[in-house]
Protein backbone atom coordinates (compact mmCIF):
# COMPACT_ATOMS: atom_id res chain seq x y z
CA UNK A 1 0.00 0.00 0.00
CA UNK A 2 1.33 3.42 -0.93
CA UNK A 3 1.95 5.94 1.87
CA UNK A 4 0.35 9.36 1.59
CA UNK A 5 1.05 12.56 3.48
CA UNK A 6 -1.38 14.12 5.98
CA UNK A 7 -0.84 17.79 6.73
CA UNK A 8 -2.09 19.70 9.74
CA UNK A 9 -1.55 23.23 11.01
CA UNK A 10 -0.82 24.23 14.62
CA UNK A 11 1.33 26.69 16.52
CA UNK A 12 5.04 25.97 16.86
CA UNK A 13 4.60 25.90 20.65
CA UNK A 14 1.90 23.24 20.46
CA UNK A 15 4.01 21.15 18.09
CA UNK A 16 7.04 21.33 20.40
CA UNK A 17 5.01 20.51 23.51
CA UNK A 18 3.31 17.61 21.77
CA UNK A 19 6.60 16.29 20.43
CA UNK A 20 7.99 16.22 23.99
CA UNK A 21 5.06 14.13 25.19
CA UNK A 22 5.30 11.79 22.22
CA UNK A 23 9.07 11.39 22.69
CA UNK A 24 8.49 10.28 26.30
CA UNK A 25 6.20 7.56 24.92
CA UNK A 26 8.77 6.62 22.26
CA UNK A 27 6.62 7.95 19.43
CA UNK A 28 6.97 10.55 16.72
CA UNK A 29 4.24 12.64 15.08
CA UNK A 30 3.76 10.23 12.16
CA UNK A 31 3.28 7.28 14.51
CA UNK A 32 0.81 9.26 16.62
CA UNK A 33 -1.23 10.26 13.57
CA UNK A 34 -1.25 6.64 12.38
CA UNK A 35 -2.50 5.52 15.81
CA UNK A 36 -5.19 8.19 15.66
CA UNK A 37 -6.39 7.01 12.27
CA UNK A 38 -6.30 3.37 13.45
CA UNK A 39 -8.59 4.34 16.33
CA UNK A 40 -10.91 6.28 14.03
CA UNK A 41 -11.18 3.25 11.76
CA UNK A 42 -11.74 0.89 14.70
CA UNK A 43 -14.39 3.06 16.39
CA UNK A 44 -16.02 4.25 13.16
CA UNK A 45 -16.58 7.49 15.06
CA UNK A 46 -14.66 10.54 16.23
CA UNK A 47 -16.71 10.86 19.44
CA UNK A 48 -13.70 9.86 21.57
CA UNK A 49 -11.94 13.05 20.41
CA UNK A 50 -14.68 15.39 21.55
CA UNK A 51 -14.73 16.31 25.23
CA UNK A 52 -18.40 16.48 26.04
CA UNK A 53 -19.51 18.05 29.31
CA UNK A 54 -22.22 15.87 30.89
CA UNK A 55 -25.69 17.37 30.73
CA UNK A 56 -27.67 18.12 33.89
CA UNK A 57 -29.95 15.11 33.36
CA UNK A 58 -26.91 12.81 33.05
CA UNK A 59 -25.53 14.09 36.38
CA UNK A 60 -28.94 13.67 38.00
CA UNK A 61 -29.21 10.12 36.68
CA UNK A 62 -25.75 9.26 37.99
CA UNK A 63 -26.53 10.80 41.39
CA UNK A 64 -29.79 8.86 41.61
CA UNK A 65 -27.94 5.63 40.81
CA UNK A 66 -25.32 6.29 43.49
CA UNK A 67 -27.96 7.23 46.04
CA UNK A 68 -29.67 3.91 45.38
CA UNK A 69 -26.44 2.08 46.23
CA UNK A 70 -26.18 3.68 49.67
CA UNK A 71 -29.11 3.21 52.00
CA UNK A 72 -29.75 6.39 54.05
CA UNK A 73 -30.69 4.30 57.08
CA UNK A 74 -29.00 1.08 58.12
CA UNK A 75 -30.87 -2.10 57.35
CA UNK A 76 -31.78 -3.83 60.59
CA UNK A 77 -31.56 -7.60 60.89
CA UNK A 78 -32.48 -10.04 63.63
CA UNK A 79 -28.76 -10.60 64.22
CA UNK A 80 -27.99 -6.98 65.21
CA UNK A 81 -28.29 -7.54 68.97
CA UNK A 82 -26.77 -11.05 69.09
CA UNK A 83 -23.27 -12.16 69.97
CA UNK A 84 -21.25 -14.18 67.46
CA UNK A 85 -21.99 -17.32 69.42
CA UNK A 86 -25.72 -16.63 69.37
CA UNK A 87 -25.61 -15.98 65.62
CA UNK A 88 -23.75 -19.26 64.97
CA UNK A 89 -26.24 -21.16 67.12
CA UNK A 90 -29.19 -19.54 65.33
CA UNK A 91 -27.76 -20.44 61.92
CA UNK A 92 -27.06 -24.01 63.01
CA UNK A 93 -30.68 -24.32 64.21
CA UNK A 94 -32.01 -22.96 60.90
CA UNK A 95 -30.05 -25.66 59.07
CA UNK A 96 -31.32 -28.40 61.35
CA UNK A 97 -27.90 -29.06 62.83
CA UNK A 98 -28.98 -28.45 66.44
PDB file of N, CA and C in Angstrom:
ATOM      1  N   UNK A   1       0.843  -1.174   0.000  1.00  0.00           N
ATOM      2  CA  UNK A   1       0.000   0.000   0.000  1.00  0.00           C
ATOM      3  C   UNK A   1       0.895   1.245   0.000  1.00  0.00           C
ATOM      4  N   UNK A   2       0.541   2.198  -0.798  1.00  0.00           N
ATOM      5  CA  UNK A   2       1.331   3.420  -0.934  1.00  0.00           C
ATOM      6  C   UNK A   2       1.053   4.369   0.234  1.00  0.00           C
ATOM      7  N   UNK A   3       2.104   4.951   0.801  1.00  0.00           N
ATOM      8  CA  UNK A   3       1.955   5.938   1.867  1.00  0.00           C
ATOM      9  C   UNK A   3       1.556   7.275   1.268  1.00  0.00           C
ATOM     10  N   UNK A   4       0.728   8.009   1.990  1.00  0.00           N
ATOM     11  CA  UNK A   4       0.351   9.356   1.588  1.00  0.00           C
ATOM     12  C   UNK A   4       0.672  10.296   2.745  1.00  0.00           C
ATOM     13  N   UNK A   5       0.730  11.587   2.462  1.00  0.00           N
ATOM     14  CA  UNK A   5       1.055  12.564   3.484  1.00  0.00           C
ATOM     15  C   UNK A   5      -0.224  13.199   4.010  1.00  0.00           C
ATOM     16  N   UNK A   6      -0.285  13.391   5.330  1.00  0.00           N
ATOM     17  CA  UNK A   6      -1.381  14.116   5.980  1.00  0.00           C
ATOM     18  C   UNK A   6      -0.763  15.388   6.546  1.00  0.00           C
ATOM     19  N   UNK A   7      -1.374  16.514   6.278  1.00  0.00           N
ATOM     20  CA  UNK A   7      -0.838  17.795   6.730  1.00  0.00           C
ATOM     21  C   UNK A   7      -1.808  18.435   7.709  1.00  0.00           C
ATOM     22  N   UNK A   8      -1.274  18.987   8.770  1.00  0.00           N
ATOM     23  CA  UNK A   8      -2.092  19.696   9.744  1.00  0.00           C
ATOM     24  C   UNK A   8      -1.390  20.964  10.176  1.00  0.00           C
ATOM     25  N   UNK A   9      -2.135  21.963  10.585  1.00  0.00           N
ATOM     26  CA  UNK A   9      -1.548  23.226  11.015  1.00  0.00           C
ATOM     27  C   UNK A   9      -1.785  23.418  12.510  1.00  0.00           C
ATOM     28  N   UNK A  10      -0.738  23.908  13.191  1.00  0.00           N
ATOM     29  CA  UNK A  10      -0.817  24.231  14.617  1.00  0.00           C
ATOM     30  C   UNK A  10       0.307  25.193  14.936  1.00  0.00           C
ATOM     31  N   UNK A  11       0.265  25.763  16.122  1.00  0.00           N
ATOM     32  CA  UNK A  11       1.326  26.690  16.519  1.00  0.00           C
ATOM     33  C   UNK A  11       2.618  25.909  16.762  1.00  0.00           C
ATOM     34  N   UNK A  12       3.729  26.599  16.618  1.00  0.00           N
ATOM     35  CA  UNK A  12       5.036  25.969  16.857  1.00  0.00           C
ATOM     36  C   UNK A  12       5.144  25.506  18.303  1.00  0.00           C
ATOM     37  N   UNK A  13       4.562  26.269  19.224  1.00  0.00           N
ATOM     38  CA  UNK A  13       4.599  25.902  20.651  1.00  0.00           C
ATOM     39  C   UNK A  13       3.856  24.594  20.909  1.00  0.00           C
ATOM     40  N   UNK A  14       2.685  24.469  20.287  1.00  0.00           N
ATOM     41  CA  UNK A  14       1.899  23.242  20.456  1.00  0.00           C
ATOM     42  C   UNK A  14       2.645  22.046  19.884  1.00  0.00           C
ATOM     43  N   UNK A  15       3.259  22.240  18.722  1.00  0.00           N
ATOM     44  CA  UNK A  15       4.009  21.154  18.087  1.00  0.00           C
ATOM     45  C   UNK A  15       5.162  20.712  18.982  1.00  0.00           C
ATOM     46  N   UNK A  16       5.897  21.658  19.534  1.00  0.00           N
ATOM     47  CA  UNK A  16       7.038  21.333  20.396  1.00  0.00           C
ATOM     48  C   UNK A  16       6.587  20.629  21.671  1.00  0.00           C
ATOM     49  N   UNK A  17       5.519  21.130  22.282  1.00  0.00           N
ATOM     50  CA  UNK A  17       5.009  20.515  23.513  1.00  0.00           C
ATOM     51  C   UNK A  17       4.511  19.097  23.238  1.00  0.00           C
ATOM     52  N   UNK A  18       3.812  18.937  22.140  1.00  0.00           N
ATOM     53  CA  UNK A  18       3.308  17.608  21.770  1.00  0.00           C
ATOM     54  C   UNK A  18       4.440  16.650  21.450  1.00  0.00           C
ATOM     55  N   UNK A  19       5.459  17.134  20.778  1.00  0.00           N
ATOM     56  CA  UNK A  19       6.605  16.291  20.429  1.00  0.00           C
ATOM     57  C   UNK A  19       7.311  15.783  21.678  1.00  0.00           C
ATOM     58  N   UNK A  20       7.376  16.632  22.717  1.00  0.00           N
ATOM     59  CA  UNK A  20       7.988  16.215  23.987  1.00  0.00           C
ATOM     60  C   UNK A  20       7.213  15.044  24.601  1.00  0.00           C
ATOM     61  N   UNK A  21       5.916  15.183  24.625  1.00  0.00           N
ATOM     62  CA  UNK A  21       5.060  14.133  25.194  1.00  0.00           C
ATOM     63  C   UNK A  21       5.202  12.845  24.389  1.00  0.00           C
ATOM     64  N   UNK A  22       5.167  12.965  23.078  1.00  0.00           N
ATOM     65  CA  UNK A  22       5.300  11.785  22.217  1.00  0.00           C
ATOM     66  C   UNK A  22       6.666  11.125  22.395  1.00  0.00           C
ATOM     67  N   UNK A  23       7.724  11.940  22.517  1.00  0.00           N
ATOM     68  CA  UNK A  23       9.071  11.389  22.691  1.00  0.00           C
ATOM     69  C   UNK A  23       9.161  10.569  23.975  1.00  0.00           C
ATOM     70  N   UNK A  24       8.502  11.031  25.040  1.00  0.00           N
ATOM     71  CA  UNK A  24       8.489  10.284  26.303  1.00  0.00           C
ATOM     72  C   UNK A  24       7.853   8.910  26.119  1.00  0.00           C
ATOM     73  N   UNK A  25       6.886   8.821  25.206  1.00  0.00           N
ATOM     74  CA  UNK A  25       6.199   7.558  24.923  1.00  0.00           C
ATOM     75  C   UNK A  25       6.915   6.759  23.843  1.00  0.00           C
ATOM     76  N   UNK A  26       8.029   7.310  23.315  1.00  0.00           N
ATOM     77  CA  UNK A  26       8.771   6.621  22.265  1.00  0.00           C
ATOM     78  C   UNK A  26       8.122   6.710  20.895  1.00  0.00           C
ATOM     79  N   UNK A  27       7.339   7.772  20.696  1.00  0.00           N
ATOM     80  CA  UNK A  27       6.624   7.950  19.430  1.00  0.00           C
ATOM     81  C   UNK A  27       7.033   9.244  18.748  1.00  0.00           C
ATOM     82  N   UNK A  28       6.816   9.293  17.447  1.00  0.00           N
ATOM     83  CA  UNK A  28       6.971  10.552  16.718  1.00  0.00           C
ATOM     84  C   UNK A  28       5.592  10.955  16.187  1.00  0.00           C
ATOM     85  N   UNK A  29       5.524  12.120  15.554  1.00  0.00           N
ATOM     86  CA  UNK A  29       4.243  12.644  15.080  1.00  0.00           C
ATOM     87  C   UNK A  29       3.570  11.709  14.074  1.00  0.00           C
ATOM     88  N   UNK A  30       4.348  11.126  13.156  1.00  0.00           N
ATOM     89  CA  UNK A  30       3.760  10.227  12.157  1.00  0.00           C
ATOM     90  C   UNK A  30       3.135   9.000  12.821  1.00  0.00           C
ATOM     91  N   UNK A  31       3.826   8.451  13.810  1.00  0.00           N
ATOM     92  CA  UNK A  31       3.280   7.283  14.507  1.00  0.00           C
ATOM     93  C   UNK A  31       2.002   7.648  15.259  1.00  0.00           C
ATOM     94  N   UNK A  32       1.998   8.824  15.884  1.00  0.00           N
ATOM     95  CA  UNK A  32       0.810   9.264  16.621  1.00  0.00           C
ATOM     96  C   UNK A  32      -0.379   9.451  15.683  1.00  0.00           C
ATOM     97  N   UNK A  33      -0.145  10.058  14.534  1.00  0.00           N
ATOM     98  CA  UNK A  33      -1.227  10.259  13.569  1.00  0.00           C
ATOM     99  C   UNK A  33      -1.733   8.912  13.056  1.00  0.00           C
ATOM    100  N   UNK A  34      -0.828   7.975  12.820  1.00  0.00           N
ATOM    101  CA  UNK A  34      -1.246   6.638  12.379  1.00  0.00           C
ATOM    102  C   UNK A  34      -2.094   5.955  13.453  1.00  0.00           C
ATOM    103  N   UNK A  35      -1.705   6.102  14.721  1.00  0.00           N
ATOM    104  CA  UNK A  35      -2.499   5.521  15.809  1.00  0.00           C
ATOM    105  C   UNK A  35      -3.879   6.172  15.888  1.00  0.00           C
ATOM    106  N   UNK A  36      -3.917   7.482  15.673  1.00  0.00           N
ATOM    107  CA  UNK A  36      -5.195   8.193  15.663  1.00  0.00           C
ATOM    108  C   UNK A  36      -6.107   7.646  14.576  1.00  0.00           C
ATOM    109  N   UNK A  37      -5.581   7.505  13.381  1.00  0.00           N
ATOM    110  CA  UNK A  37      -6.394   7.010  12.268  1.00  0.00           C
ATOM    111  C   UNK A  37      -6.797   5.545  12.473  1.00  0.00           C
ATOM    112  N   UNK A  38      -5.923   4.748  13.110  1.00  0.00           N
ATOM    113  CA  UNK A  38      -6.297   3.368  13.453  1.00  0.00           C
ATOM    114  C   UNK A  38      -7.511   3.360  14.377  1.00  0.00           C
ATOM    115  N   UNK A  39      -7.484   4.244  15.367  1.00  0.00           N
ATOM    116  CA  UNK A  39      -8.590   4.336  16.331  1.00  0.00           C
ATOM    117  C   UNK A  39      -9.869   4.824  15.657  1.00  0.00           C
ATOM    118  N   UNK A  40      -9.741   5.799  14.770  1.00  0.00           N
ATOM    119  CA  UNK A  40     -10.912   6.282  14.030  1.00  0.00           C
ATOM    120  C   UNK A  40     -11.543   5.154  13.215  1.00  0.00           C
ATOM    121  N   UNK A  41     -10.685   4.371  12.566  1.00  0.00           N
ATOM    122  CA  UNK A  41     -11.179   3.252  11.760  1.00  0.00           C
ATOM    123  C   UNK A  41     -11.839   2.195  12.644  1.00  0.00           C
ATOM    124  N   UNK A  42     -11.209   1.913  13.774  1.00  0.00           N
ATOM    125  CA  UNK A  42     -11.740   0.894  14.700  1.00  0.00           C
ATOM    126  C   UNK A  42     -13.082   1.315  15.279  1.00  0.00           C
ATOM    127  N   UNK A  43     -13.170   2.557  15.746  1.00  0.00           N
ATOM    128  CA  UNK A  43     -14.391   3.060  16.388  1.00  0.00           C
ATOM    129  C   UNK A  43     -15.483   3.427  15.391  1.00  0.00           C
ATOM    130  N   UNK A  44     -15.087   3.742  14.159  1.00  0.00           N
ATOM    131  CA  UNK A  44     -16.018   4.252  13.155  1.00  0.00           C
ATOM    132  C   UNK A  44     -16.743   5.490  13.663  1.00  0.00           C
ATOM    133  N   UNK A  45     -16.025   6.270  14.479  1.00  0.00           N
ATOM    134  CA  UNK A  45     -16.580   7.487  15.057  1.00  0.00           C
ATOM    135  C   UNK A  45     -15.425   8.329  15.582  1.00  0.00           C
ATOM    136  N   UNK A  46     -15.650   9.634  15.653  1.00  0.00           N
ATOM    137  CA  UNK A  46     -14.657  10.539  16.234  1.00  0.00           C
ATOM    138  C   UNK A  46     -15.116  11.039  17.594  1.00  0.00           C
ATOM    139  N   UNK A  47     -16.161  10.418  18.158  1.00  0.00           N
ATOM    140  CA  UNK A  47     -16.706  10.863  19.440  1.00  0.00           C
ATOM    141  C   UNK A  47     -15.655  10.866  20.547  1.00  0.00           C
ATOM    142  N   UNK A  48     -14.711   9.927  20.512  1.00  0.00           N
ATOM    143  CA  UNK A  48     -13.700   9.856  21.569  1.00  0.00           C
ATOM    144  C   UNK A  48     -12.773  11.079  21.562  1.00  0.00           C
ATOM    145  N   UNK A  49     -12.783  11.851  20.506  1.00  0.00           N
ATOM    146  CA  UNK A  49     -11.942  13.047  20.407  1.00  0.00           C
ATOM    147  C   UNK A  49     -12.616  14.290  20.984  1.00  0.00           C
ATOM    148  N   UNK A  50     -13.908  14.226  21.144  1.00  0.00           N
ATOM    149  CA  UNK A  50     -14.675  15.393  21.549  1.00  0.00           C
ATOM    150  C   UNK A  50     -14.980  15.307  23.032  1.00  0.00           C
ATOM    151  N   UNK A  51     -14.444  16.264  23.795  1.00  0.00           N
ATOM    152  CA  UNK A  51     -14.727  16.314  25.233  1.00  0.00           C
ATOM    153  C   UNK A  51     -16.116  16.894  25.420  1.00  0.00           C
ATOM    154  N   UNK A  52     -17.013  16.056  25.887  1.00  0.00           N
ATOM    155  CA  UNK A  52     -18.395  16.483  26.037  1.00  0.00           C
ATOM    156  C   UNK A  52     -18.709  16.630  27.519  1.00  0.00           C
ATOM    157  N   UNK A  53     -19.127  17.804  27.924  1.00  0.00           N
ATOM    158  CA  UNK A  53     -19.507  18.047  29.309  1.00  0.00           C
ATOM    159  C   UNK A  53     -20.848  17.352  29.556  1.00  0.00           C
ATOM    160  N   UNK A  54     -20.950  16.546  30.614  1.00  0.00           N
ATOM    161  CA  UNK A  54     -22.221  15.869  30.889  1.00  0.00           C
ATOM    162  C   UNK A  54     -23.362  16.862  31.089  1.00  0.00           C
ATOM    163  N   UNK A  55     -24.516  16.512  30.576  1.00  0.00           N
ATOM    164  CA  UNK A  55     -25.690  17.369  30.727  1.00  0.00           C
ATOM    165  C   UNK A  55     -26.270  17.187  32.127  1.00  0.00           C
ATOM    166  N   UNK A  56     -27.078  18.140  32.549  1.00  0.00           N
ATOM    167  CA  UNK A  56     -27.667  18.119  33.895  1.00  0.00           C
ATOM    168  C   UNK A  56     -28.413  16.810  34.149  1.00  0.00           C
ATOM    169  N   UNK A  57     -29.168  16.346  33.170  1.00  0.00           N
ATOM    170  CA  UNK A  57     -29.946  15.114  33.364  1.00  0.00           C
ATOM    171  C   UNK A  57     -29.035  13.900  33.548  1.00  0.00           C
ATOM    172  N   UNK A  58     -27.857  13.914  32.891  1.00  0.00           N
ATOM    173  CA  UNK A  58     -26.909  12.805  33.055  1.00  0.00           C
ATOM    174  C   UNK A  58     -26.329  12.799  34.465  1.00  0.00           C
ATOM    175  N   UNK A  59     -26.015  13.998  35.003  1.00  0.00           N
ATOM    176  CA  UNK A  59     -25.531  14.092  36.384  1.00  0.00           C
ATOM    177  C   UNK A  59     -26.614  13.633  37.356  1.00  0.00           C
ATOM    178  N   UNK A  60     -27.844  14.055  37.120  1.00  0.00           N
ATOM    179  CA  UNK A  60     -28.943  13.672  38.001  1.00  0.00           C
ATOM    180  C   UNK A  60     -29.163  12.165  37.980  1.00  0.00           C
ATOM    181  N   UNK A  61     -29.059  11.566  36.806  1.00  0.00           N
ATOM    182  CA  UNK A  61     -29.214  10.123  36.680  1.00  0.00           C
ATOM    183  C   UNK A  61     -28.104   9.388  37.430  1.00  0.00           C
ATOM    184  N   UNK A  62     -26.880   9.876  37.290  1.00  0.00           N
ATOM    185  CA  UNK A  62     -25.748   9.257  37.988  1.00  0.00           C
ATOM    186  C   UNK A  62     -25.903   9.397  39.502  1.00  0.00           C
ATOM    187  N   UNK A  63     -26.340  10.577  39.957  1.00  0.00           N
ATOM    188  CA  UNK A  63     -26.532  10.797  41.391  1.00  0.00           C
ATOM    189  C   UNK A  63     -27.626   9.894  41.938  1.00  0.00           C
ATOM    190  N   UNK A  64     -28.688   9.732  41.183  1.00  0.00           N
ATOM    191  CA  UNK A  64     -29.791   8.857  41.610  1.00  0.00           C
ATOM    192  C   UNK A  64     -29.307   7.410  41.731  1.00  0.00           C
ATOM    193  N   UNK A  65     -28.494   6.975  40.780  1.00  0.00           N
ATOM    194  CA  UNK A  65     -27.945   5.627  40.814  1.00  0.00           C
ATOM    195  C   UNK A  65     -27.075   5.434  42.055  1.00  0.00           C
ATOM    196  N   UNK A  66     -26.188   6.402  42.318  1.00  0.00           N
ATOM    197  CA  UNK A  66     -25.321   6.293  43.489  1.00  0.00           C
ATOM    198  C   UNK A  66     -26.111   6.323  44.788  1.00  0.00           C
ATOM    199  N   UNK A  67     -27.115   7.171  44.849  1.00  0.00           N
ATOM    200  CA  UNK A  67     -27.955   7.230  46.042  1.00  0.00           C
ATOM    201  C   UNK A  67     -28.647   5.895  46.303  1.00  0.00           C
ATOM    202  N   UNK A  68     -29.010   5.199  45.236  1.00  0.00           N
ATOM    203  CA  UNK A  68     -29.674   3.907  45.382  1.00  0.00           C
ATOM    204  C   UNK A  68     -28.716   2.848  45.929  1.00  0.00           C
ATOM    205  N   UNK A  69     -27.418   3.041  45.724  1.00  0.00           N
ATOM    206  CA  UNK A  69     -26.438   2.082  46.230  1.00  0.00           C
ATOM    207  C   UNK A  69     -26.207   2.213  47.728  1.00  0.00           C
ATOM    208  N   UNK A  70     -26.428   3.413  48.259  1.00  0.00           N
ATOM    209  CA  UNK A  70     -26.177   3.677  49.668  1.00  0.00           C
ATOM    210  C   UNK A  70     -27.506   3.941  50.355  1.00  0.00           C
ATOM    211  N   UNK A  71     -27.858   3.051  51.273  1.00  0.00           N
ATOM    212  CA  UNK A  71     -29.108   3.210  52.001  1.00  0.00           C
ATOM    213  C   UNK A  71     -28.946   4.334  53.023  1.00  0.00           C
ATOM    214  N   UNK A  72     -29.875   5.292  53.088  1.00  0.00           N
ATOM    215  CA  UNK A  72     -29.751   6.390  54.046  1.00  0.00           C
ATOM    216  C   UNK A  72     -29.864   5.927  55.498  1.00  0.00           C
ATOM    217  N   UNK A  73     -30.581   4.850  55.721  1.00  0.00           N
ATOM    218  CA  UNK A  73     -30.689   4.296  57.079  1.00  0.00           C
ATOM    219  C   UNK A  73     -30.203   2.857  57.045  1.00  0.00           C
ATOM    220  N   UNK A  74     -29.498   2.451  58.090  1.00  0.00           N
ATOM    221  CA  UNK A  74     -28.996   1.077  58.118  1.00  0.00           C
ATOM    222  C   UNK A  74     -30.134   0.062  58.076  1.00  0.00           C
ATOM    223  N   UNK A  75     -29.885  -1.025  57.415  1.00  0.00           N
ATOM    224  CA  UNK A  75     -30.873  -2.099  57.351  1.00  0.00           C
ATOM    225  C   UNK A  75     -30.731  -2.936  58.618  1.00  0.00           C
ATOM    226  N   UNK A  76     -31.829  -3.072  59.337  1.00  0.00           N
ATOM    227  CA  UNK A  76     -31.783  -3.834  60.588  1.00  0.00           C
ATOM    228  C   UNK A  76     -32.064  -5.305  60.308  1.00  0.00           C
ATOM    229  N   UNK A  77     -31.343  -6.160  61.009  1.00  0.00           N
ATOM    230  CA  UNK A  77     -31.555  -7.601  60.891  1.00  0.00           C
ATOM    231  C   UNK A  77     -31.783  -8.180  62.281  1.00  0.00           C
ATOM    232  N   UNK A  78     -32.231  -9.385  62.326  1.00  0.00           N
ATOM    233  CA  UNK A  78     -32.477 -10.037  63.630  1.00  0.00           C
ATOM    234  C   UNK A  78     -31.177 -10.375  64.336  1.00  0.00           C
ATOM    235  N   UNK A  79     -30.061 -10.275  63.631  1.00  0.00           N
ATOM    236  CA  UNK A  79     -28.761 -10.602  64.218  1.00  0.00           C
ATOM    237  C   UNK A  79     -28.090  -9.404  64.899  1.00  0.00           C
ATOM    238  N   UNK A  80     -28.640  -8.201  64.731  1.00  0.00           N
ATOM    239  CA  UNK A  80     -27.987  -6.983  65.213  1.00  0.00           C
ATOM    240  C   UNK A  80     -27.647  -7.009  66.701  1.00  0.00           C
ATOM    241  N   UNK A  81     -28.505  -7.569  67.528  1.00  0.00           N
ATOM    242  CA  UNK A  81     -28.287  -7.536  68.975  1.00  0.00           C
ATOM    243  C   UNK A  81     -27.807  -8.875  69.521  1.00  0.00           C
ATOM    244  N   UNK A  82     -27.250  -9.730  68.661  1.00  0.00           N
ATOM    245  CA  UNK A  82     -26.770 -11.050  69.093  1.00  0.00           C
ATOM    246  C   UNK A  82     -25.251 -11.081  69.134  1.00  0.00           C
ATOM    247  N   UNK A  83     -24.709 -11.928  69.969  1.00  0.00           N
ATOM    248  CA  UNK A  83     -23.267 -12.162  69.973  1.00  0.00           C
ATOM    249  C   UNK A  83     -22.940 -13.094  68.809  1.00  0.00           C
ATOM    250  N   UNK A  84     -21.651 -13.249  68.523  1.00  0.00           N
ATOM    251  CA  UNK A  84     -21.255 -14.177  67.462  1.00  0.00           C
ATOM    252  C   UNK A  84     -21.703 -15.599  67.781  1.00  0.00           C
ATOM    253  N   UNK A  85     -21.572 -15.968  69.012  1.00  0.00           N
ATOM    254  CA  UNK A  85     -21.990 -17.316  69.423  1.00  0.00           C
ATOM    255  C   UNK A  85     -23.479 -17.534  69.205  1.00  0.00           C
ATOM    256  N   UNK A  86     -24.277 -16.532  69.558  1.00  0.00           N
ATOM    257  CA  UNK A  86     -25.722 -16.630  69.366  1.00  0.00           C
ATOM    258  C   UNK A  86     -26.080 -16.708  67.875  1.00  0.00           C
ATOM    259  N   UNK A  87     -25.366 -15.962  67.070  1.00  0.00           N
ATOM    260  CA  UNK A  87     -25.613 -15.979  65.616  1.00  0.00           C
ATOM    261  C   UNK A  87     -25.282 -17.363  65.061  1.00  0.00           C
ATOM    262  N   UNK A  88     -24.137 -17.927  65.452  1.00  0.00           N
ATOM    263  CA  UNK A  88     -23.750 -19.256  64.970  1.00  0.00           C
ATOM    264  C   UNK A  88     -24.771 -20.300  65.397  1.00  0.00           C
ATOM    265  N   UNK A  89     -25.251 -20.211  66.636  1.00  0.00           N
ATOM    266  CA  UNK A  89     -26.245 -21.160  67.121  1.00  0.00           C
ATOM    267  C   UNK A  89     -27.549 -21.019  66.338  1.00  0.00           C
ATOM    268  N   UNK A  90     -27.957 -19.799  66.089  1.00  0.00           N
ATOM    269  CA  UNK A  90     -29.191 -19.538  65.330  1.00  0.00           C
ATOM    270  C   UNK A  90     -29.089 -20.104  63.910  1.00  0.00           C
ATOM    271  N   UNK A  91     -27.949 -19.918  63.273  1.00  0.00           N
ATOM    272  CA  UNK A  91     -27.764 -20.440  61.922  1.00  0.00           C
ATOM    273  C   UNK A  91     -27.732 -21.969  61.920  1.00  0.00           C
ATOM    274  N   UNK A  92     -27.097 -22.549  62.901  1.00  0.00           N
ATOM    275  CA  UNK A  92     -27.062 -24.012  63.009  1.00  0.00           C
ATOM    276  C   UNK A  92     -28.469 -24.556  63.178  1.00  0.00           C
ATOM    277  N   UNK A  93     -29.281 -23.886  63.993  1.00  0.00           N
ATOM    278  CA  UNK A  93     -30.677 -24.318  64.206  1.00  0.00           C
ATOM    279  C   UNK A  93     -31.457 -24.233  62.907  1.00  0.00           C
ATOM    280  N   UNK A  94     -31.252 -23.131  62.141  1.00  0.00           N
ATOM    281  CA  UNK A  94     -32.011 -22.962  60.896  1.00  0.00           C
ATOM    282  C   UNK A  94     -31.639 -24.009  59.855  1.00  0.00           C
ATOM    283  N   UNK A  95     -30.475 -24.615  59.991  1.00  0.00           N
ATOM    284  CA  UNK A  95     -30.048 -25.665  59.065  1.00  0.00           C
ATOM    285  C   UNK A  95     -30.333 -27.062  59.600  1.00  0.00           C
ATOM    286  N   UNK A  96     -30.966 -27.101  60.760  1.00  0.00           N
ATOM    287  CA  UNK A  96     -31.315 -28.404  61.350  1.00  0.00           C
ATOM    288  C   UNK A  96     -30.116 -29.139  61.931  1.00  0.00           C
ATOM    289  N   UNK A  97     -29.082 -28.411  62.269  1.00  0.00           N
ATOM    290  CA  UNK A  97     -27.899 -29.059  62.826  1.00  0.00           C
ATOM    291  C   UNK A  97     -27.930 -29.124  64.356  1.00  0.00           C
ATOM    292  N   UNK A  98     -28.864 -28.431  64.966  1.00  0.00           N
ATOM    293  CA  UNK A  98     -28.983 -28.446  66.438  1.00  0.00           C
ATOM    294  C   UNK A  98     -30.406 -28.793  66.805  1.00  0.00           C
TER     295      UNK A  98
END
